[in-house]
Amino acid sequence: MSEDKNMKNEEPVIITFNDVQYRKSDLNEEQIALASRLNVIGRKLATLQAAHDDYVMTNDYKNIVIQSFERSLKPEVVEEVEEE
């Protein structure tokens, strides 16, 4: 019987859901298919999150450069007003 427990523990975990690890032997065919989809979706979302974070940071940097460019143009206008 201890061999059965060891064999089951060596079986790879298909999915961890609500802090519970599920192996293939714990699931029926439909659940295995759904678990597989959840795993794919999770990996895809992780990739999209990284891309989103990159977009947000790049967009913030773009806005900083735009503001810097605008400020670089304004001193000319301020100097002209001061001379009058």
Protein backbone atom coordinates (compact mmCIF):
# COMPACT_ATOMS: atom_id res chain seq x y z
CA MET A 1 0.00 0.00 0.00
CA SER A 2 2.86 2.42 0.69
CA GLU A 3 4.03 1.75 -2.87
CA ASP A 4 0.65 2.96 -4.17
CA LYS A 5 0.99 6.19 -2.23
CA ASN A 6 4.52 6.71 -3.51
CA MET A 7 3.41 6.01 -7.08
CA LYS A 8 0.59 8.50 -6.76
CA ASN A 9 2.91 11.12 -5.27
CA GLU A 10 5.33 10.67 -8.20
CA GLU A 11 2.55 11.30 -10.71
CA PRO A 12 2.89 14.86 -12.03
CA VAL A 13 0.43 17.49 -10.88
CA ILE A 14 -1.83 18.51 -13.77
CA ILE A 15 -3.23 21.63 -12.08
CA THR A 16 -3.37 23.36 -8.73
CA PHE A 17 -6.82 24.79 -8.16
CA ASN A 18 -7.89 26.54 -4.96
CA ASP A 19 -4.65 25.39 -3.31
CA VAL A 20 -5.40 21.73 -4.12
CA GLN A 21 -3.06 19.77 -6.39
CA TYR A 22 -4.77 17.51 -8.90
CA ARG A 23 -3.12 14.65 -10.75
CA LYS A 24 -4.40 12.88 -13.85
CA SER A 25 -5.72 10.00 -11.77
CA ASP A 26 -7.82 12.47 -9.73
CA LEU A 27 -9.68 13.82 -12.78
CA ASN A 28 -12.03 12.53 -15.44
CA GLU A 29 -11.48 13.23 -19.15
CA GLU A 30 -13.55 16.42 -19.17
CA GLN A 31 -11.72 17.78 -16.13
CA ILE A 32 -8.35 16.94 -17.68
CA ALA A 33 -9.31 18.85 -20.83
CA LEU A 34 -10.52 21.83 -18.79
CA ALA A 35 -7.38 21.77 -16.62
CA SER A 36 -5.26 21.74 -19.77
CA ARG A 37 -7.14 24.77 -21.11
CA LEU A 38 -6.73 26.58 -17.79
CA ASN A 39 -2.98 25.93 -17.88
CA VAL A 40 -2.71 27.30 -21.44
CA ILE A 41 -4.84 30.32 -20.56
CA GLY A 42 -2.72 31.00 -17.48
CA ARG A 43 0.50 30.96 -19.50
CA LYS A 44 -1.07 33.22 -22.14
CA LEU A 45 -2.28 35.70 -19.53
CA ALA A 46 1.19 35.81 -17.96
CA THR A 47 2.63 36.69 -21.38
CA LEU A 48 -0.03 39.33 -21.94
CA GLN A 49 0.60 40.80 -18.50
CA ALA A 50 4.29 41.25 -19.31
CA ALA A 51 3.40 42.89 -22.64
CA HIS A 52 0.88 45.16 -20.91
CA ASP A 53 3.44 46.18 -18.28
CA ASP A 54 5.93 46.95 -21.06
CA TYR A 55 3.30 49.02 -22.89
CA VAL A 56 2.43 51.01 -19.76
CA MET A 57 6.07 51.76 -18.98
CA THR A 58 6.86 52.73 -22.58
CA ASN A 59 3.78 54.95 -22.77
CA ASP A 60 4.76 56.66 -19.49
CA TYR A 61 8.25 57.29 -20.87
CA LYS A 62 6.75 58.68 -24.09
CA ASN A 63 4.64 61.11 -22.05
CA ILE A 64 7.70 62.23 -20.08
CA VAL A 65 9.59 62.91 -23.32
CA ILE A 66 6.60 64.78 -24.77
CA GLN A 67 6.43 66.96 -21.65
CA SER A 68 10.17 67.59 -21.83
CA PHE A 69 9.87 68.61 -25.47
CA GLU A 70 6.98 70.95 -24.66
CA ARG A 71 8.98 72.54 -21.84
CA SER A 72 11.93 72.99 -24.18
CA LEU A 73 9.72 75.07 -26.47
CA LYS A 74 8.19 77.24 -23.74
CA PRO A 75 11.34 79.09 -22.56
CA GLU A 76 11.45 80.92 -25.89
CA VAL A 77 7.95 82.22 -25.30
CA VAL A 78 8.68 83.13 -21.66
CA GLU A 79 11.85 85.06 -22.66
CA GLU A 80 9.92 87.09 -25.25
CA VAL A 81 7.28 88.03 -22.64
CA GLU A 82 9.98 89.05 -20.11
CA GLU A 83 11.70 91.38 -22.63
CA GLU A 84 8.53 93.43 -23.15
